[in-house]
């Protein structure tokens, strides 16, 4: 007994879509052919007649007739296929990440794609694909410093409190030093490169003329910097710098000094006893970034230390005094702070982030 083909019917919208697909010049050829098959079947033609008309086999016509009857236009699309069985499953991800925690092979400072692949018995391509997918950068390095001070919150709150709400009429100073600054002499200037770009060039060779130490004190309320260069950074140098700072203030004015935990900043009890109006506040260990003068040191190093071509370290000291004046000609506190809360605007956000996190 002859088999009877499945009868087809469609809505006006489906027919319009089928006709657009059959006339399309941009769709896949196989989809265009399937649309033509269905349109011919909708006209009531037999499978063998449609096959002869379109140059396909009758069983192909029967397949797409059934698929359209069961799923409509969606049935003309290819079904999802399992594809090739992956050679490396999800377990490779755990193996790679676990291997990265182990020491690299002897003779290598760190893992690379080839050494990882060799250690795991996998292909280089599979390892690199996984590393890219996981966002692992084998050659990119970042350093970090986490304070383990058990009194971190208390010390940080004390310092930030001085920034945001200092005592009335008190002077708040952020003090630190930049040690062993090299006084280098080398030729420099703007040069035209082979690519046509003009860059600031430095000669590869230089003369070394010793080192100097720079003490700096940032007046938090005004942004004024007071600095002094010395040949050493011993405790006696620090005390001499502090004595100079205190001498500029009335003897009864309260002075709060923010310092990091450098050894020269500690064990200054005799000096503090001689200056009872001065109080030292120390940042938590490994958290000297709370000291605002560190921000100024960064600005000063970028603007005033471009590999100075100076004949001696004493000339560097004179040059640094000139640079100091030029970088602090217009000191100002934060414009958004109150009269008592005068934190420089470049630091207020990072301080707030640090204490909240």
C-alpha atoms as a PDB file:
ATOM      1  CA  UNK A   1       0.000   0.000   0.000  1.00  0.00           C
ATOM      2  CA  UNK A   2       1.417   3.395  -1.022  1.00  0.00           C
ATOM      3  CA  UNK A   3       2.334   5.812   1.741  1.00  0.00           C
ATOM      4  CA  UNK A   4       0.489   9.116   1.877  1.00  0.00           C
ATOM      5  CA  UNK A   5       2.557  12.303   2.404  1.00  0.00           C
ATOM      6  CA  UNK A   6       1.801  14.548   5.365  1.00  0.00           C
ATOM      7  CA  UNK A   7      -0.618  17.302   4.415  1.00  0.00           C
ATOM      8  CA  UNK A   8       0.729  20.818   4.960  1.00  0.00           C
ATOM      9  CA  UNK A   9      -0.973  24.073   5.868  1.00  0.00           C
ATOM     10  CA  UNK A  10       0.327  27.455   7.004  1.00  0.00           C
ATOM     11  CA  UNK A  11      -0.779  30.926   7.976  1.00  0.00           C
ATOM     12  CA  UNK A  12      -0.503  33.965   5.736  1.00  0.00           C
ATOM     13  CA  UNK A  13       2.419  35.238   7.812  1.00  0.00           C
ATOM     14  CA  UNK A  14       4.273  31.932   7.478  1.00  0.00           C
ATOM     15  CA  UNK A  15       3.706  31.894   3.713  1.00  0.00           C
ATOM     16  CA  UNK A  16       5.050  35.443   3.409  1.00  0.00           C
ATOM     17  CA  UNK A  17       8.173  34.476   5.349  1.00  0.00           C
ATOM     18  CA  UNK A  18       8.651  31.347   3.230  1.00  0.00           C
ATOM     19  CA  UNK A  19       8.379  33.370   0.029  1.00  0.00           C
ATOM     20  CA  UNK A  20      10.861  35.967   1.309  1.00  0.00           C
ATOM     21  CA  UNK A  21      13.266  33.203   2.297  1.00  0.00           C
ATOM     22  CA  UNK A  22      12.886  31.445  -1.102  1.00  0.00           C
ATOM     23  CA  UNK A  23      13.748  34.698  -2.946  1.00  0.00           C
ATOM     24  CA  UNK A  24      16.593  35.690  -0.642  1.00  0.00           C
ATOM     25  CA  UNK A  25      20.089  36.149  -2.049  1.00  0.00           C
ATOM     26  CA  UNK A  26      21.789  36.519   1.289  1.00  0.00           C
ATOM     27  CA  UNK A  27      20.450  33.565   3.268  1.00  0.00           C
ATOM     28  CA  UNK A  28      22.157  30.157   3.278  1.00  0.00           C
ATOM     29  CA  UNK A  29      21.520  28.161   0.087  1.00  0.00           C
ATOM     30  CA  UNK A  30      20.176  25.195   2.022  1.00  0.00           C
ATOM     31  CA  UNK A  31      17.556  27.354   3.786  1.00  0.00           C
ATOM     32  CA  UNK A  32      16.460  28.837   0.447  1.00  0.00           C
ATOM     33  CA  UNK A  33      16.106  25.307  -0.987  1.00  0.00           C
ATOM     34  CA  UNK A  34      14.084  24.115   2.010  1.00  0.00           C
ATOM     35  CA  UNK A  35      11.717  27.078   1.717  1.00  0.00           C
ATOM     36  CA  UNK A  36      11.132  26.277  -1.958  1.00  0.00           C
ATOM     37  CA  UNK A  37      10.435  22.639  -1.072  1.00  0.00           C
ATOM     38  CA  UNK A  38       7.820  23.616   1.506  1.00  0.00           C
ATOM     39  CA  UNK A  39       6.163  26.145  -0.830  1.00  0.00           C
ATOM     40  CA  UNK A  40       5.892  23.477  -3.532  1.00  0.00           C
ATOM     41  CA  UNK A  41       4.401  21.012  -1.047  1.00  0.00           C
ATOM     42  CA  UNK A  42       1.872  23.650   0.065  1.00  0.00           C
ATOM     43  CA  UNK A  43       0.632  23.724  -3.530  1.00  0.00           C
ATOM     44  CA  UNK A  44      -0.434  20.089  -3.103  1.00  0.00           C
ATOM     45  CA  UNK A  45       2.333  18.505  -5.192  1.00  0.00           C
ATOM     46  CA  UNK A  46       3.654  15.024  -4.513  1.00  0.00           C
ATOM     47  CA  UNK A  47       7.135  14.472  -3.134  1.00  0.00           C
ATOM     48  CA  UNK A  48       8.458  12.925  -6.336  1.00  0.00           C
ATOM     49  CA  UNK A  49       7.099  15.834  -8.403  1.00  0.00           C
ATOM     50  CA  UNK A  50       8.687  18.387  -6.091  1.00  0.00           C
ATOM     51  CA  UNK A  51      11.976  16.456  -6.214  1.00  0.00           C
ATOM     52  CA  UNK A  52      12.035  16.476 -10.029  1.00  0.00           C
ATOM     53  CA  UNK A  53      11.169  20.201 -10.115  1.00  0.00           C
ATOM     54  CA  UNK A  54      13.879  21.253  -7.660  1.00  0.00           C
ATOM     55  CA  UNK A  55      16.497  18.617  -8.460  1.00  0.00           C
ATOM     56  CA  UNK A  56      16.460  16.853  -5.076  1.00  0.00           C
ATOM     57  CA  UNK A  57      15.583  13.332  -3.976  1.00  0.00           C
ATOM     58  CA  UNK A  58      11.991  12.512  -2.904  1.00  0.00           C
ATOM     59  CA  UNK A  59      13.091  11.432   0.557  1.00  0.00           C
ATOM     60  CA  UNK A  60      14.693  14.895   1.062  1.00  0.00           C
ATOM     61  CA  UNK A  61      11.350  16.487   0.181  1.00  0.00           C
ATOM     62  CA  UNK A  62       9.626  14.142   2.647  1.00  0.00           C
ATOM     63  CA  UNK A  63      12.045  15.086   5.415  1.00  0.00           C
ATOM     64  CA  UNK A  64      11.420  18.840   5.186  1.00  0.00           C
ATOM     65  CA  UNK A  65       7.698  18.301   4.713  1.00  0.00           C
ATOM     66  CA  UNK A  66       7.604  16.471   8.053  1.00  0.00           C
ATOM     67  CA  UNK A  67       9.870  18.983   9.793  1.00  0.00           C
ATOM     68  CA  UNK A  68       7.683  21.911   8.694  1.00  0.00           C
ATOM     69  CA  UNK A  69       4.509  20.101   9.716  1.00  0.00           C
ATOM     70  CA  UNK A  70       5.956  19.443  13.187  1.00  0.00           C
ATOM     71  CA  UNK A  71       7.794  22.709  13.985  1.00  0.00           C
ATOM     72  CA  UNK A  72       6.854  25.298  11.371  1.00  0.00           C
ATOM     73  CA  UNK A  73       9.561  27.660  10.133  1.00  0.00           C
ATOM     74  CA  UNK A  74      11.860  26.750  13.042  1.00  0.00           C
ATOM     75  CA  UNK A  75      11.891  23.176  11.736  1.00  0.00           C
ATOM     76  CA  UNK A  76      13.768  24.302   8.607  1.00  0.00           C
ATOM     77  CA  UNK A  77      16.824  25.207  10.670  1.00  0.00           C
ATOM     78  CA  UNK A  78      19.510  22.626  11.421  1.00  0.00           C
ATOM     79  CA  UNK A  79      19.218  20.943  14.795  1.00  0.00           C
ATOM     80  CA  UNK A  80      22.014  21.318  17.322  1.00  0.00           C
ATOM     81  CA  UNK A  81      24.671  18.695  16.787  1.00  0.00           C
ATOM     82  CA  UNK A  82      26.929  17.235  19.462  1.00  0.00           C
ATOM     83  CA  UNK A  83      30.073  17.815  17.432  1.00  0.00           C
ATOM     84  CA  UNK A  84      33.409  16.206  18.085  1.00  0.00           C
ATOM     85  CA  UNK A  85      33.967  14.852  21.557  1.00  0.00           C
ATOM     86  CA  UNK A  86      36.343  17.309  23.323  1.00  0.00           C
ATOM     87  CA  UNK A  87      39.789  15.901  23.956  1.00  0.00           C
ATOM     88  CA  UNK A  88      40.232  17.915  27.146  1.00  0.00           C
ATOM     89  CA  UNK A  89      37.240  18.212  29.429  1.00  0.00           C
ATOM     90  CA  UNK A  90      36.463  20.541  32.297  1.00  0.00           C
ATOM     91  CA  UNK A  91      39.056  18.737  34.408  1.00  0.00           C
ATOM     92  CA  UNK A  92      41.856  20.444  32.438  1.00  0.00           C
ATOM     93  CA  UNK A  93      40.884  23.811  33.941  1.00  0.00           C
ATOM     94  CA  UNK A  94      41.401  22.537  37.476  1.00  0.00           C
ATOM     95  CA  UNK A  95      44.642  20.836  36.495  1.00  0.00           C
ATOM     96  CA  UNK A  96      46.064  24.020  34.944  1.00  0.00           C
ATOM     97  CA  UNK A  97      45.075  26.239  37.873  1.00  0.00           C
ATOM     98  CA  UNK A  98      46.430  23.696  40.335  1.00  0.00           C
ATOM     99  CA  UNK A  99      49.699  23.417  38.402  1.00  0.00           C
ATOM    100  CA  UNK A 100      50.185  27.196  38.475  1.00  0.00           C
ATOM    101  CA  UNK A 101      50.273  27.035  42.275  1.00  0.00           C
ATOM    102  CA  UNK A 102      53.273  24.689  42.140  1.00  0.00           C
ATOM    103  CA  UNK A 103      56.908  25.800  41.666  1.00  0.00           C
ATOM    104  CA  UNK A 104      57.955  26.052  38.001  1.00  0.00           C
ATOM    105  CA  UNK A 105      60.402  23.534  36.518  1.00  0.00           C
ATOM    106  CA  UNK A 106      64.058  23.854  37.428  1.00  0.00           C
ATOM    107  CA  UNK A 107      65.784  26.570  35.476  1.00  0.00           C
ATOM    108  CA  UNK A 108      62.599  28.623  34.971  1.00  0.00           C
ATOM    109  CA  UNK A 109      61.547  31.610  37.045  1.00  0.00           C
ATOM    110  CA  UNK A 110      57.853  31.213  36.204  1.00  0.00           C
ATOM    111  CA  UNK A 111      55.465  29.059  34.236  1.00  0.00           C
ATOM    112  CA  UNK A 112      54.812  29.648  30.541  1.00  0.00           C
ATOM    113  CA  UNK A 113      52.429  27.985  28.110  1.00  0.00           C
ATOM    114  CA  UNK A 114      54.926  25.436  26.820  1.00  0.00           C
ATOM    115  CA  UNK A 115      56.091  24.326  30.272  1.00  0.00           C
ATOM    116  CA  UNK A 116      52.499  24.042  31.498  1.00  0.00           C
ATOM    117  CA  UNK A 117      51.532  21.948  28.482  1.00  0.00           C
ATOM    118  CA  UNK A 118      54.537  19.674  28.975  1.00  0.00           C
ATOM    119  CA  UNK A 119      53.815  19.209  32.683  1.00  0.00           C
ATOM    120  CA  UNK A 120      50.155  18.383  32.048  1.00  0.00           C
ATOM    121  CA  UNK A 121      50.606  16.341  28.877  1.00  0.00           C
ATOM    122  CA  UNK A 122      48.276  18.660  26.974  1.00  0.00           C
ATOM    123  CA  UNK A 123      48.710  20.643  23.769  1.00  0.00           C
ATOM    124  CA  UNK A 124      50.032  24.217  23.826  1.00  0.00           C
ATOM    125  CA  UNK A 125      46.908  25.465  22.036  1.00  0.00           C
ATOM    126  CA  UNK A 126      44.553  23.912  24.590  1.00  0.00           C
ATOM    127  CA  UNK A 127      46.491  25.432  27.484  1.00  0.00           C
ATOM    128  CA  UNK A 128      46.630  28.901  25.919  1.00  0.00           C
ATOM    129  CA  UNK A 129      42.915  28.812  25.064  1.00  0.00           C
ATOM    130  CA  UNK A 130      42.093  27.989  28.662  1.00  0.00           C
ATOM    131  CA  UNK A 131      44.408  30.686  30.030  1.00  0.00           C
ATOM    132  CA  UNK A 132      42.840  33.319  27.768  1.00  0.00           C
ATOM    133  CA  UNK A 133      39.344  32.199  28.741  1.00  0.00           C
ATOM    134  CA  UNK A 134      40.209  32.414  32.447  1.00  0.00           C
ATOM    135  CA  UNK A 135      42.007  35.752  32.046  1.00  0.00           C
ATOM    136  CA  UNK A 136      45.308  34.381  33.375  1.00  0.00           C
ATOM    137  CA  UNK A 137      48.296  36.538  32.337  1.00  0.00           C
ATOM    138  CA  UNK A 138      51.447  34.516  33.009  1.00  0.00           C
ATOM    139  CA  UNK A 139      53.868  37.402  32.354  1.00  0.00           C
ATOM    140  CA  UNK A 140      51.892  40.195  33.980  1.00  0.00           C
ATOM    141  CA  UNK A 141      52.883  40.884  37.560  1.00  0.00           C
ATOM    142  CA  UNK A 142      51.392  43.090  40.240  1.00  0.00           C
ATOM    143  CA  UNK A 143      52.681  43.664  43.742  1.00  0.00           C
ATOM    144  CA  UNK A 144      50.550  44.276  46.775  1.00  0.00           C
ATOM    145  CA  UNK A 145      51.016  45.065  50.433  1.00  0.00           C
ATOM    146  CA  UNK A 146      48.512  44.005  53.064  1.00  0.00           C
ATOM    147  CA  UNK A 147      48.812  45.450  56.536  1.00  0.00           C
ATOM    148  CA  UNK A 148      48.775  42.858  59.290  1.00  0.00           C
ATOM    149  CA  UNK A 149      48.707  45.465  62.039  1.00  0.00           C
ATOM    150  CA  UNK A 150      46.109  44.298  64.616  1.00  0.00           C
ATOM    151  CA  UNK A 151      45.417  47.978  65.397  1.00  0.00           C
ATOM    152  CA  UNK A 152      44.980  48.965  61.760  1.00  0.00           C
ATOM    153  CA  UNK A 153      41.432  50.326  62.141  1.00  0.00           C
ATOM    154  CA  UNK A 154      42.277  52.342  65.252  1.00  0.00           C
ATOM    155  CA  UNK A 155      45.428  53.905  63.791  1.00  0.00           C
ATOM    156  CA  UNK A 156      43.839  54.579  60.403  1.00  0.00           C
ATOM    157  CA  UNK A 157      40.807  56.214  62.005  1.00  0.00           C
ATOM    158  CA  UNK A 158      43.102  58.395  64.138  1.00  0.00           C
ATOM    159  CA  UNK A 159      44.999  59.671  61.088  1.00  0.00           C
ATOM    160  CA  UNK A 160      41.939  60.166  58.895  1.00  0.00           C
ATOM    161  CA  UNK A 161      40.299  61.967  61.774  1.00  0.00           C
ATOM    162  CA  UNK A 162      43.198  64.452  61.731  1.00  0.00           C
ATOM    163  CA  UNK A 163      42.651  64.951  57.997  1.00  0.00           C
ATOM    164  CA  UNK A 164      38.891  65.377  58.134  1.00  0.00           C
ATOM    165  CA  UNK A 165      38.405  67.043  61.510  1.00  0.00           C
ATOM    166  CA  UNK A 166      41.659  68.419  62.960  1.00  0.00           C
ATOM    167  CA  UNK A 167      41.679  70.026  66.429  1.00  0.00           C
ATOM    168  CA  UNK A 168      40.910  73.736  66.549  1.00  0.00           C
ATOM    169  CA  UNK A 169      43.967  75.983  65.929  1.00  0.00           C
ATOM    170  CA  UNK A 170      46.205  72.903  65.734  1.00  0.00           C
ATOM    171  CA  UNK A 171      48.770  72.328  62.983  1.00  0.00           C
ATOM    172  CA  UNK A 172      48.658  68.944  61.230  1.00  0.00           C
ATOM    173  CA  UNK A 173      51.825  67.955  59.375  1.00  0.00           C
ATOM    174  CA  UNK A 174      52.390  64.936  57.147  1.00  0.00           C
ATOM    175  CA  UNK A 175      56.121  64.166  57.330  1.00  0.00           C
ATOM    176  CA  UNK A 176      58.366  61.684  55.554  1.00  0.00           C
ATOM    177  CA  UNK A 177      61.689  61.468  53.733  1.00  0.00           C
ATOM    178  CA  UNK A 178      62.889  60.387  50.310  1.00  0.00           C
ATOM    179  CA  UNK A 179      66.242  58.675  50.891  1.00  0.00           C
ATOM    180  CA  UNK A 180      69.248  58.022  48.659  1.00  0.00           C
ATOM    181  CA  UNK A 181      68.206  60.189  45.725  1.00  0.00           C
ATOM    182  CA  UNK A 182      70.912  59.708  43.103  1.00  0.00           C
ATOM    183  CA  UNK A 183      72.519  62.824  41.661  1.00  0.00           C
ATOM    184  CA  UNK A 184      73.177  61.634  38.117  1.00  0.00           C
ATOM    185  CA  UNK A 185      74.838  63.533  35.314  1.00  0.00           C
ATOM    186  CA  UNK A 186      73.871  62.497  31.813  1.00  0.00           C
ATOM    187  CA  UNK A 187      73.135  64.110  28.478  1.00  0.00           C
ATOM    188  CA  UNK A 188      69.477  64.515  27.596  1.00  0.00           C
ATOM    189  CA  UNK A 189      67.267  66.317  25.099  1.00  0.00           C
ATOM    190  CA  UNK A 190      64.616  65.886  22.451  1.00  0.00           C
ATOM    191  CA  UNK A 191      65.541  63.626  19.556  1.00  0.00           C
ATOM    192  CA  UNK A 192      63.915  62.639  16.255  1.00  0.00           C
ATOM    193  CA  UNK A 193      63.492  58.867  15.992  1.00  0.00           C
ATOM    194  CA  UNK A 194      63.594  56.767  12.832  1.00  0.00           C
ATOM    195  CA  UNK A 195      59.794  56.525  12.947  1.00  0.00           C
ATOM    196  CA  UNK A 196      59.492  60.295  12.723  1.00  0.00           C
ATOM    197  CA  UNK A 197      58.424  60.807  16.341  1.00  0.00           C
ATOM    198  CA  UNK A 198      60.080  63.338  18.632  1.00  0.00           C
ATOM    199  CA  UNK A 199      60.814  61.936  22.087  1.00  0.00           C
ATOM    200  CA  UNK A 200      62.794  62.944  25.162  1.00  0.00           C
ATOM    201  CA  UNK A 201      66.033  60.999  24.932  1.00  0.00           C
ATOM    202  CA  UNK A 202      68.591  60.134  27.620  1.00  0.00           C
ATOM    203  CA  UNK A 203      72.139  59.010  27.038  1.00  0.00           C
ATOM    204  CA  UNK A 204      72.674  55.444  28.190  1.00  0.00           C
ATOM    205  CA  UNK A 205      75.850  56.288  30.139  1.00  0.00           C
ATOM    206  CA  UNK A 206      75.985  58.652  33.108  1.00  0.00           C
ATOM    207  CA  UNK A 207      78.143  59.834  35.999  1.00  0.00           C
ATOM    208  CA  UNK A 208      77.101  59.283  39.571  1.00  0.00           C
ATOM    209  CA  UNK A 209      77.696  62.115  42.037  1.00  0.00           C
ATOM    210  CA  UNK A 210      76.572  60.581  45.297  1.00  0.00           C
ATOM    211  CA  UNK A 211      73.156  60.663  46.906  1.00  0.00           C
ATOM    212  CA  UNK A 212      71.083  63.066  48.985  1.00  0.00           C
ATOM    213  CA  UNK A 213      68.151  62.673  51.350  1.00  0.00           C
ATOM    214  CA  UNK A 214      65.036  64.841  51.148  1.00  0.00           C
ATOM    215  CA  UNK A 215      62.860  65.514  54.212  1.00  0.00           C
ATOM    216  CA  UNK A 216      59.431  66.987  53.496  1.00  0.00           C
ATOM    217  CA  UNK A 217      56.491  68.133  55.616  1.00  0.00           C
ATOM    218  CA  UNK A 218      53.060  68.744  54.112  1.00  0.00           C
ATOM    219  CA  UNK A 219      50.827  71.183  55.974  1.00  0.00           C
ATOM    220  CA  UNK A 220      47.502  69.418  55.537  1.00  0.00           C
ATOM    221  CA  UNK A 221      45.293  72.490  55.988  1.00  0.00           C
ATOM    222  CA  UNK A 222      47.010  74.608  53.327  1.00  0.00           C
ATOM    223  CA  UNK A 223      49.014  72.245  51.111  1.00  0.00           C
ATOM    224  CA  UNK A 224      52.246  74.130  51.907  1.00  0.00           C
ATOM    225  CA  UNK A 225      55.410  72.008  51.696  1.00  0.00           C
ATOM    226  CA  UNK A 226      58.495  72.542  53.849  1.00  0.00           C
ATOM    227  CA  UNK A 227      61.553  70.546  52.822  1.00  0.00           C
ATOM    228  CA  UNK A 228      65.212  70.070  53.663  1.00  0.00           C
ATOM    229  CA  UNK A 229      68.015  68.066  52.025  1.00  0.00           C
ATOM    230  CA  UNK A 230      70.624  66.193  54.038  1.00  0.00           C
ATOM    231  CA  UNK A 231      73.454  63.797  53.294  1.00  0.00           C
ATOM    232  CA  UNK A 232      72.063  61.170  55.667  1.00  0.00           C
ATOM    233  CA  UNK A 233      68.699  60.198  57.122  1.00  0.00           C
ATOM    234  CA  UNK A 234      69.714  59.377  60.677  1.00  0.00           C
ATOM    235  CA  UNK A 235      67.602  60.110  63.735  1.00  0.00           C
ATOM    236  CA  UNK A 236      69.592  63.249  64.423  1.00  0.00           C
ATOM    237  CA  UNK A 237      68.757  64.529  60.913  1.00  0.00           C
ATOM    238  CA  UNK A 238      65.075  63.828  61.463  1.00  0.00           C
ATOM    239  CA  UNK A 239      65.091  65.575  64.830  1.00  0.00           C
ATOM    240  CA  UNK A 240      66.895  68.593  63.359  1.00  0.00           C
ATOM    241  CA  UNK A 241      64.253  68.855  60.626  1.00  0.00           C
ATOM    242  CA  UNK A 242      61.447  68.601  63.175  1.00  0.00           C
ATOM    243  CA  UNK A 243      63.139  71.235  65.347  1.00  0.00           C
ATOM    244  CA  UNK A 244      63.190  73.618  62.386  1.00  0.00           C
ATOM    245  CA  UNK A 245      59.487  72.999  61.775  1.00  0.00           C
ATOM    246  CA  UNK A 246      58.511  73.527  65.388  1.00  0.00           C
ATOM    247  CA  UNK A 247      60.621  76.704  65.649  1.00  0.00           C
ATOM    248  CA  UNK A 248      58.407  78.368  63.015  1.00  0.00           C
ATOM    249  CA  UNK A 249      55.311  77.956  65.201  1.00  0.00           C
ATOM    250  CA  UNK A 250      54.250  79.628  68.451  1.00  0.00           C
ATOM    251  CA  UNK A 251      55.549  77.627  71.429  1.00  0.00           C
ATOM    252  CA  UNK A 252      52.034  76.917  72.719  1.00  0.00           C
ATOM    253  CA  UNK A 253      50.536  75.783  69.395  1.00  0.00           C
ATOM    254  CA  UNK A 254      49.411  72.176  69.265  1.00  0.00           C
ATOM    255  CA  UNK A 255      51.209  70.246  66.492  1.00  0.00           C
ATOM    256  CA  UNK A 256      50.209  66.802  65.233  1.00  0.00           C
ATOM    257  CA  UNK A 257      52.734  64.951  63.058  1.00  0.00           C
ATOM    258  CA  UNK A 258      51.763  61.981  60.874  1.00  0.00           C
ATOM    259  CA  UNK A 259      54.637  59.538  60.292  1.00  0.00           C
ATOM    260  CA  UNK A 260      55.258  56.041  59.009  1.00  0.00           C
ATOM    261  CA  UNK A 261      57.049  53.373  61.027  1.00  0.00           C
ATOM    262  CA  UNK A 262      60.631  54.030  59.907  1.00  0.00           C
ATOM    263  CA  UNK A 263      63.074  53.352  62.730  1.00  0.00           C
ATOM    264  CA  UNK A 264      64.328  56.961  62.765  1.00  0.00           C
ATOM    265  CA  UNK A 265      60.792  58.118  63.548  1.00  0.00           C
ATOM    266  CA  UNK A 266      60.668  55.937  66.642  1.00  0.00           C
ATOM    267  CA  UNK A 267      62.538  56.259  69.974  1.00  0.00           C
ATOM    268  CA  UNK A 268      62.364  60.046  70.009  1.00  0.00           C
ATOM    269  CA  UNK A 269      61.044  60.318  73.556  1.00  0.00           C
ATOM    270  CA  UNK A 270      63.709  62.827  74.732  1.00  0.00           C
ATOM    271  CA  UNK A 271      62.928  65.134  71.806  1.00  0.00           C
ATOM    272  CA  UNK A 272      59.160  64.832  72.415  1.00  0.00           C
ATOM    273  CA  UNK A 273      59.686  65.566  76.103  1.00  0.00           C
ATOM    274  CA  UNK A 274      61.468  68.780  75.106  1.00  0.00           C
ATOM    275  CA  UNK A 275      58.543  69.692  72.819  1.00  0.00           C
ATOM    276  CA  UNK A 276      55.371  68.817  74.762  1.00  0.00           C
ATOM    277  CA  UNK A 277      53.139  70.552  72.213  1.00  0.00           C
ATOM    278  CA  UNK A 278      54.086  67.970  69.543  1.00  0.00           C
ATOM    279  CA  UNK A 279      52.300  64.615  69.153  1.00  0.00           C
ATOM    280  CA  UNK A 280      53.410  61.865  66.780  1.00  0.00           C
ATOM    281  CA  UNK A 281      50.772  59.733  65.017  1.00  0.00           C
ATOM    282  CA  UNK A 282      52.049  56.587  63.284  1.00  0.00           C
ATOM    283  CA  UNK A 283      50.408  54.907  60.328  1.00  0.00           C
ATOM    284  CA  UNK A 284      49.620  51.191  60.604  1.00  0.00           C
ATOM    285  CA  UNK A 285      52.463  48.910  59.564  1.00  0.00           C
ATOM    286  CA  UNK A 286      52.695  48.430  55.787  1.00  0.00           C
ATOM    287  CA  UNK A 287      50.236  51.304  55.290  1.00  0.00           C
ATOM    288  CA  UNK A 288      52.430  54.342  54.713  1.00  0.00           C
ATOM    289  CA  UNK A 289      50.067  55.282  51.853  1.00  0.00           C
ATOM    290  CA  UNK A 290      47.922  56.880  54.568  1.00  0.00           C
ATOM    291  CA  UNK A 291      50.611  59.548  54.835  1.00  0.00           C
ATOM    292  CA  UNK A 292      49.577  62.323  52.430  1.00  0.00           C
ATOM    293  CA  UNK A 293      53.103  63.548  51.812  1.00  0.00           C
ATOM    294  CA  UNK A 294      53.667  60.342  49.843  1.00  0.00           C
ATOM    295  CA  UNK A 295      51.341  61.781  47.185  1.00  0.00           C
ATOM    296  CA  UNK A 296      53.458  64.920  47.004  1.00  0.00           C
ATOM    297  CA  UNK A 297      56.657  62.880  46.687  1.00  0.00           C
ATOM    298  CA  UNK A 298      55.130  61.200  43.632  1.00  0.00           C
ATOM    299  CA  UNK A 299      54.243  64.553  42.073  1.00  0.00           C
ATOM    300  CA  UNK A 300      57.661  66.001  42.892  1.00  0.00           C
ATOM    301  CA  UNK A 301      59.531  63.015  41.450  1.00  0.00           C
ATOM    302  CA  UNK A 302      57.671  63.270  38.138  1.00  0.00           C
ATOM    303  CA  UNK A 303      58.069  67.031  37.786  1.00  0.00           C
ATOM    304  CA  UNK A 304      61.468  67.701  39.334  1.00  0.00           C
ATOM    305  CA  UNK A 305      63.588  64.531  38.996  1.00  0.00           C
ATOM    306  CA  UNK A 306      63.941  63.969  35.227  1.00  0.00           C
ATOM    307  CA  UNK A 307      67.451  62.512  35.577  1.00  0.00           C
ATOM    308  CA  UNK A 308      69.077  65.869  36.503  1.00  0.00           C
ATOM    309  CA  UNK A 309      72.268  66.654  34.603  1.00  0.00           C
ATOM    310  CA  UNK A 310      74.069  68.059  37.638  1.00  0.00           C
ATOM    311  CA  UNK A 311      77.799  68.060  38.380  1.00  0.00           C
ATOM    312  CA  UNK A 312      77.476  67.209  42.073  1.00  0.00           C
ATOM    313  CA  UNK A 313      74.962  66.270  44.760  1.00  0.00           C
ATOM    314  CA  UNK A 314      75.246  69.710  46.395  1.00  0.00           C
ATOM    315  CA  UNK A 315      74.076  71.231  43.115  1.00  0.00           C
ATOM    316  CA  UNK A 316      71.182  68.777  43.143  1.00  0.00           C
ATOM    317  CA  UNK A 317      70.242  70.174  46.545  1.00  0.00           C
ATOM    318  CA  UNK A 318      70.147  73.693  45.114  1.00  0.00           C
ATOM    319  CA  UNK A 319      68.164  72.459  42.109  1.00  0.00           C
ATOM    320  CA  UNK A 320      65.692  70.634  44.336  1.00  0.00           C
ATOM    321  CA  UNK A 321      65.078  73.824  46.313  1.00  0.00           C
ATOM    322  CA  UNK A 322      64.190  75.598  43.054  1.00  0.00           C
ATOM    323  CA  UNK A 323      61.994  72.706  41.940  1.00  0.00           C
ATOM    324  CA  UNK A 324      60.333  72.629  45.360  1.00  0.00           C
ATOM    325  CA  UNK A 325      59.392  76.274  45.006  1.00  0.00           C
ATOM    326  CA  UNK A 326      57.990  75.784  41.507  1.00  0.00           C
ATOM    327  CA  UNK A 327      55.888  72.764  42.487  1.00  0.00           C
ATOM    328  CA  UNK A 328      54.345  74.480  45.528  1.00  0.00           C
ATOM    329  CA  UNK A 329      53.726  77.982  44.229  1.00  0.00           C
ATOM    330  CA  UNK A 330      49.953  77.537  44.381  1.00  0.00           C
ATOM    331  CA  UNK A 331      49.178  75.211  47.320  1.00  0.00           C
ATOM    332  CA  UNK A 332      45.517  74.733  48.112  1.00  0.00           C
ATOM    333  CA  UNK A 333      43.304  72.499  50.221  1.00  0.00           C
ATOM    334  CA  UNK A 334      40.270  70.660  48.923  1.00  0.00           C
ATOM    335  CA  UNK A 335      37.667  73.072  47.552  1.00  0.00           C
ATOM    336  CA  UNK A 336      34.866  70.758  48.623  1.00  0.00           C
ATOM    337  CA  UNK A 337      35.945  70.450  52.245  1.00  0.00           C
ATOM    338  CA  UNK A 338      34.821  72.583  55.166  1.00  0.00           C
ATOM    339  CA  UNK A 339      37.042  75.135  56.859  1.00  0.00           C
ATOM    340  CA  UNK A 340      38.247  72.538  59.352  1.00  0.00           C
ATOM    341  CA  UNK A 341      38.202  69.578  56.983  1.00  0.00           C
ATOM    342  CA  UNK A 342      40.814  70.715  54.476  1.00  0.00           C
ATOM    343  CA  UNK A 343      42.136  67.496  52.973  1.00  0.00           C
ATOM    344  CA  UNK A 344      43.846  67.996  49.575  1.00  0.00           C
ATOM    345  CA  UNK A 345      41.358  66.861  46.938  1.00  0.00           C
ATOM    346  CA  UNK A 346      43.699  64.308  45.370  1.00  0.00           C
ATOM    347  CA  UNK A 347      43.681  62.188  48.514  1.00  0.00           C
ATOM    348  CA  UNK A 348      40.197  62.378  50.011  1.00  0.00           C
ATOM    349  CA  UNK A 349      38.732  59.633  47.792  1.00  0.00           C
ATOM    350  CA  UNK A 350      41.497  57.109  48.436  1.00  0.00           C
ATOM    351  CA  UNK A 351      41.358  57.754  52.167  1.00  0.00           C
ATOM    352  CA  UNK A 352      37.612  57.224  52.239  1.00  0.00           C
ATOM    353  CA  UNK A 353      37.975  54.017  50.195  1.00  0.00           C
ATOM    354  CA  UNK A 354      40.689  52.684  52.463  1.00  0.00           C
ATOM    355  CA  UNK A 355      38.796  53.155  55.721  1.00  0.00           C
ATOM    356  CA  UNK A 356      35.600  51.670  54.284  1.00  0.00           C
ATOM    357  CA  UNK A 357      37.348  48.609  52.896  1.00  0.00           C
END
